[in-house]
N, C-alpha and C. Protein backbone atom coordinates (compact mmCIF):
# COMPACT_ATOMS: atom_id res chain seq x y z
N MET A 1 0.84 -1.19 0.00
CA MET A 1 0.00 0.00 0.00
C MET A 1 0.88 1.25 0.00
N ASN A 2 0.41 2.27 -0.68
CA ASN A 2 1.14 3.54 -0.77
C ASN A 2 1.18 4.20 0.61
N SER A 3 2.33 4.74 0.97
CA SER A 3 2.46 5.39 2.27
C SER A 3 2.36 6.91 2.15
N GLU A 4 1.96 7.41 0.98
CA GLU A 4 1.76 8.84 0.78
C GLU A 4 0.33 9.07 0.32
N ILE A 5 -0.20 10.23 0.70
CA ILE A 5 -1.52 10.62 0.24
C ILE A 5 -1.44 11.97 -0.45
N TYR A 6 -2.39 12.22 -1.33
CA TYR A 6 -2.52 13.50 -2.03
C TYR A 6 -3.84 14.11 -1.61
N THR A 7 -3.77 15.18 -0.85
CA THR A 7 -4.97 15.82 -0.32
C THR A 7 -5.44 16.92 -1.27
N ILE A 8 -6.74 17.15 -1.23
CA ILE A 8 -7.36 18.23 -1.99
C ILE A 8 -8.04 19.15 -0.99
N THR A 9 -7.59 20.40 -0.96
CA THR A 9 -8.19 21.41 -0.10
C THR A 9 -8.66 22.55 -0.99
N VAL A 10 -9.90 22.99 -0.79
CA VAL A 10 -10.44 24.12 -1.53
C VAL A 10 -10.53 25.31 -0.57
N PHE A 11 -10.36 26.51 -1.13
CA PHE A 11 -10.38 27.71 -0.27
C PHE A 11 -10.67 28.96 -1.08
N SER A 12 -11.14 29.98 -0.37
CA SER A 12 -11.27 31.31 -0.96
C SER A 12 -10.36 32.27 -0.20
N ASP A 13 -10.15 32.00 1.06
CA ASP A 13 -9.20 32.72 1.89
C ASP A 13 -8.88 31.83 3.10
N MET A 14 -8.06 32.32 4.01
CA MET A 14 -7.65 31.46 5.14
C MET A 14 -8.78 31.18 6.13
N LEU A 15 -9.85 31.93 6.05
CA LEU A 15 -10.98 31.68 6.94
C LEU A 15 -11.99 30.72 6.33
N HIS A 16 -11.90 30.54 5.02
CA HIS A 16 -12.85 29.69 4.31
C HIS A 16 -12.09 28.64 3.50
N LEU A 17 -11.77 27.55 4.17
CA LEU A 17 -11.08 26.45 3.50
C LEU A 17 -11.61 25.13 4.02
N ARG A 18 -11.48 24.13 3.16
CA ARG A 18 -12.02 22.82 3.53
C ARG A 18 -11.24 21.72 2.80
N CYS A 19 -10.76 20.75 3.54
CA CYS A 19 -10.14 19.59 2.93
C CYS A 19 -11.27 18.68 2.46
N MET A 20 -11.30 18.44 1.14
CA MET A 20 -12.39 17.66 0.56
C MET A 20 -12.11 16.16 0.57
N GLY A 21 -10.85 15.78 0.71
CA GLY A 21 -10.53 14.36 0.72
C GLY A 21 -9.11 14.12 0.26
N PHE A 22 -8.82 12.86 -0.01
CA PHE A 22 -7.47 12.50 -0.45
C PHE A 22 -7.52 11.31 -1.39
N PHE A 23 -6.43 11.14 -2.12
CA PHE A 23 -6.24 10.00 -3.00
C PHE A 23 -4.85 9.45 -2.76
N TYR A 24 -4.67 8.18 -3.04
CA TYR A 24 -3.34 7.58 -3.00
C TYR A 24 -2.61 7.80 -4.33
N ASN A 25 -3.34 8.22 -5.35
CA ASN A 25 -2.80 8.38 -6.68
C ASN A 25 -2.91 9.85 -7.11
N LEU A 26 -1.80 10.46 -7.50
CA LEU A 26 -1.79 11.88 -7.88
C LEU A 26 -2.67 12.14 -9.09
N ASP A 27 -2.65 11.28 -10.08
CA ASP A 27 -3.46 11.49 -11.28
C ASP A 27 -4.95 11.55 -10.94
N LYS A 28 -5.38 10.74 -10.01
CA LYS A 28 -6.79 10.75 -9.59
C LYS A 28 -7.13 12.06 -8.88
N ALA A 29 -6.21 12.56 -8.07
CA ALA A 29 -6.43 13.84 -7.38
C ALA A 29 -6.53 14.98 -8.38
N ILE A 30 -5.63 15.00 -9.35
CA ILE A 30 -5.67 16.05 -10.38
C ILE A 30 -6.96 15.97 -11.17
N PHE A 31 -7.39 14.78 -11.54
CA PHE A 31 -8.64 14.61 -12.27
C PHE A 31 -9.81 15.15 -11.45
N ALA A 32 -9.87 14.82 -10.17
CA ALA A 32 -10.97 15.28 -9.31
C ALA A 32 -11.04 16.80 -9.26
N VAL A 33 -9.89 17.45 -9.19
CA VAL A 33 -9.84 18.91 -9.12
C VAL A 33 -10.21 19.53 -10.47
N THR A 34 -9.56 19.10 -11.53
CA THR A 34 -9.78 19.73 -12.83
C THR A 34 -11.18 19.47 -13.39
N HIS A 35 -11.83 18.42 -12.94
CA HIS A 35 -13.19 18.12 -13.39
C HIS A 35 -14.25 18.51 -12.36
N ASN A 36 -13.83 19.22 -11.30
CA ASN A 36 -14.75 19.66 -10.26
C ASN A 36 -15.63 18.49 -9.79
N ASP A 37 -14.99 17.37 -9.55
CA ASP A 37 -15.68 16.14 -9.17
C ASP A 37 -16.54 16.36 -7.92
N LEU A 38 -17.76 15.90 -7.98
CA LEU A 38 -18.73 16.02 -6.88
C LEU A 38 -18.92 17.47 -6.42
N ASP A 39 -18.71 18.41 -7.35
CA ASP A 39 -18.90 19.85 -7.10
C ASP A 39 -18.09 20.34 -5.90
N ILE A 40 -16.80 20.12 -5.91
CA ILE A 40 -15.96 20.60 -4.81
C ILE A 40 -15.90 22.13 -4.77
N PHE A 41 -16.28 22.80 -5.86
CA PHE A 41 -16.34 24.27 -5.88
C PHE A 41 -17.38 24.78 -4.89
N GLU A 42 -18.51 24.12 -4.82
CA GLU A 42 -19.60 24.46 -3.89
C GLU A 42 -19.98 25.94 -3.92
N ASP A 43 -20.00 26.54 -5.08
CA ASP A 43 -20.40 27.95 -5.24
C ASP A 43 -19.56 28.93 -4.42
N GLY A 44 -18.29 28.71 -4.30
CA GLY A 44 -17.54 29.71 -3.58
C GLY A 44 -16.06 29.49 -3.35
N TYR A 45 -15.57 28.30 -3.52
CA TYR A 45 -14.14 28.06 -3.28
C TYR A 45 -13.36 28.35 -4.56
N ASP A 46 -12.75 29.53 -4.60
CA ASP A 46 -12.07 30.00 -5.81
C ASP A 46 -10.82 29.20 -6.16
N TYR A 47 -10.19 28.62 -5.15
CA TYR A 47 -8.92 27.92 -5.37
C TYR A 47 -8.95 26.51 -4.79
N ALA A 48 -8.06 25.69 -5.33
CA ALA A 48 -7.84 24.35 -4.79
C ALA A 48 -6.33 24.14 -4.73
N VAL A 49 -5.90 23.35 -3.78
CA VAL A 49 -4.49 23.00 -3.68
C VAL A 49 -4.39 21.49 -3.46
N ILE A 50 -3.44 20.89 -4.15
CA ILE A 50 -3.14 19.47 -3.94
C ILE A 50 -1.81 19.41 -3.21
N GLU A 51 -1.80 18.67 -2.10
CA GLU A 51 -0.58 18.50 -1.31
C GLU A 51 -0.27 17.02 -1.16
N LYS A 52 1.00 16.74 -1.04
CA LYS A 52 1.47 15.36 -0.83
C LYS A 52 1.94 15.24 0.61
N PHE A 53 1.42 14.22 1.31
CA PHE A 53 1.78 13.98 2.70
C PHE A 53 2.32 12.57 2.88
N PRO A 54 3.40 12.44 3.64
CA PRO A 54 3.88 11.10 3.97
C PRO A 54 3.07 10.53 5.13
N GLU A 55 3.15 9.25 5.30
CA GLU A 55 2.52 8.60 6.45
C GLU A 55 3.24 9.03 7.72
N GLY A 56 2.52 9.10 8.82
CA GLY A 56 3.15 9.35 10.12
C GLY A 56 2.53 10.50 10.88
N LEU A 57 3.05 10.71 12.06
CA LEU A 57 2.59 11.79 12.92
C LEU A 57 3.27 13.09 12.53
N TYR A 58 2.55 14.19 12.64
CA TYR A 58 3.05 15.52 12.31
C TYR A 58 3.72 15.57 10.93
N PRO A 59 3.04 15.09 9.90
CA PRO A 59 3.66 15.09 8.58
C PRO A 59 3.77 16.51 8.01
N ASN A 60 4.79 16.74 7.25
CA ASN A 60 4.99 18.02 6.59
C ASN A 60 4.59 17.86 5.13
N GLY A 61 3.54 18.53 4.74
CA GLY A 61 3.04 18.41 3.38
C GLY A 61 3.84 19.23 2.39
N LYS A 62 3.82 18.77 1.15
CA LYS A 62 4.47 19.49 0.05
C LYS A 62 3.41 19.87 -0.96
N VAL A 63 3.34 21.16 -1.30
CA VAL A 63 2.37 21.60 -2.29
C VAL A 63 2.76 21.05 -3.65
N ILE A 64 1.81 20.36 -4.29
CA ILE A 64 2.02 19.82 -5.62
C ILE A 64 1.57 20.83 -6.67
N GLY A 65 0.46 21.52 -6.40
CA GLY A 65 -0.02 22.53 -7.34
C GLY A 65 -1.24 23.26 -6.84
N TYR A 66 -1.39 24.49 -7.34
CA TYR A 66 -2.57 25.32 -7.07
C TYR A 66 -3.43 25.36 -8.32
N TYR A 67 -4.73 25.54 -8.09
CA TYR A 67 -5.70 25.58 -9.17
C TYR A 67 -6.71 26.68 -8.88
N GLU A 68 -7.19 27.32 -9.94
CA GLU A 68 -8.20 28.36 -9.81
C GLU A 68 -9.45 27.93 -10.57
N PHE A 69 -10.62 28.22 -10.00
CA PHE A 69 -11.85 27.79 -10.64
C PHE A 69 -12.10 28.60 -11.91
N ASP A 70 -12.47 27.91 -12.98
CA ASP A 70 -12.77 28.52 -14.27
C ASP A 70 -14.23 28.22 -14.58
N GLU A 71 -15.06 29.26 -14.55
CA GLU A 71 -16.50 29.06 -14.75
C GLU A 71 -16.81 28.50 -16.14
N ASP A 72 -16.06 28.93 -17.16
CA ASP A 72 -16.32 28.45 -18.52
C ASP A 72 -16.07 26.94 -18.63
N LYS A 73 -15.03 26.47 -17.97
CA LYS A 73 -14.69 25.04 -18.02
C LYS A 73 -15.42 24.24 -16.95
N GLU A 74 -16.03 24.96 -15.99
CA GLU A 74 -16.72 24.32 -14.87
C GLU A 74 -15.80 23.37 -14.11
N GLY A 75 -14.57 23.80 -13.96
CA GLY A 75 -13.57 23.03 -13.24
C GLY A 75 -12.39 23.93 -12.89
N TYR A 76 -11.44 23.39 -12.23
CA TYR A 76 -10.26 24.15 -11.83
C TYR A 76 -9.16 23.99 -12.88
N ILE A 77 -8.39 25.06 -13.07
CA ILE A 77 -7.26 25.04 -13.98
C ILE A 77 -6.00 25.41 -13.19
N PRO A 78 -4.84 24.90 -13.60
CA PRO A 78 -3.61 25.23 -12.88
C PRO A 78 -3.37 26.74 -12.84
N CYS A 79 -2.83 27.21 -11.74
CA CYS A 79 -2.52 28.63 -11.60
C CYS A 79 -1.27 28.80 -10.73
N LYS A 80 -0.80 30.02 -10.68
CA LYS A 80 0.32 30.35 -9.80
C LYS A 80 -0.19 30.39 -8.36
N THR A 81 0.72 30.42 -7.43
CA THR A 81 0.35 30.52 -6.02
C THR A 81 -0.47 31.79 -5.80
N PRO A 82 -1.66 31.68 -5.22
CA PRO A 82 -2.47 32.88 -4.98
C PRO A 82 -1.74 33.87 -4.07
N LYS A 83 -1.97 35.15 -4.31
CA LYS A 83 -1.32 36.21 -3.53
C LYS A 83 -1.59 36.01 -2.04
N GLY A 84 -0.51 36.07 -1.27
CA GLY A 84 -0.61 35.92 0.18
C GLY A 84 -0.48 34.49 0.68
N PHE A 85 -0.36 33.53 -0.23
CA PHE A 85 -0.31 32.13 0.17
C PHE A 85 1.06 31.48 -0.11
N ASP A 86 2.04 32.28 -0.50
CA ASP A 86 3.33 31.72 -0.89
C ASP A 86 4.12 31.09 0.24
N SER A 87 3.83 31.42 1.46
CA SER A 87 4.58 30.81 2.58
C SER A 87 3.72 29.88 3.42
N ILE A 88 2.56 29.48 2.90
CA ILE A 88 1.65 28.62 3.65
C ILE A 88 1.70 27.21 3.11
N SER A 89 1.70 26.25 4.03
CA SER A 89 1.64 24.84 3.65
C SER A 89 0.81 24.10 4.69
N ASN A 90 0.65 22.83 4.48
CA ASN A 90 -0.15 21.97 5.37
C ASN A 90 -1.59 22.46 5.48
N PHE A 91 -2.17 22.83 4.32
CA PHE A 91 -3.56 23.25 4.30
C PHE A 91 -4.46 22.14 4.85
N ALA A 92 -4.24 20.93 4.40
CA ALA A 92 -5.14 19.82 4.73
C ALA A 92 -5.04 19.35 6.17
N LEU A 93 -3.83 19.30 6.69
CA LEU A 93 -3.63 18.73 8.02
C LEU A 93 -3.17 19.74 9.06
N GLY A 94 -3.21 21.00 8.70
CA GLY A 94 -2.91 22.09 9.62
C GLY A 94 -1.58 21.99 10.23
């Protein structure tokens, strides 16, 4: 079994964020984000971030990529780090 997980957290700012779940496979996580699987946008989460976490206590996550919601595509598209979030990590596990 894989000892790493890929978390998906959606947010609009630091007060409005939610970890939607995780996958053991990065491609599945990217698909879920880019296709807005199960409506993770929920009418308000402008951004999504995928992080990679190792197994264990107090894991330190690594940001894999940021995504911004695109209304025309009805899904998230890759984007640069949102302003003010360049030094933040561990969105999913705090």
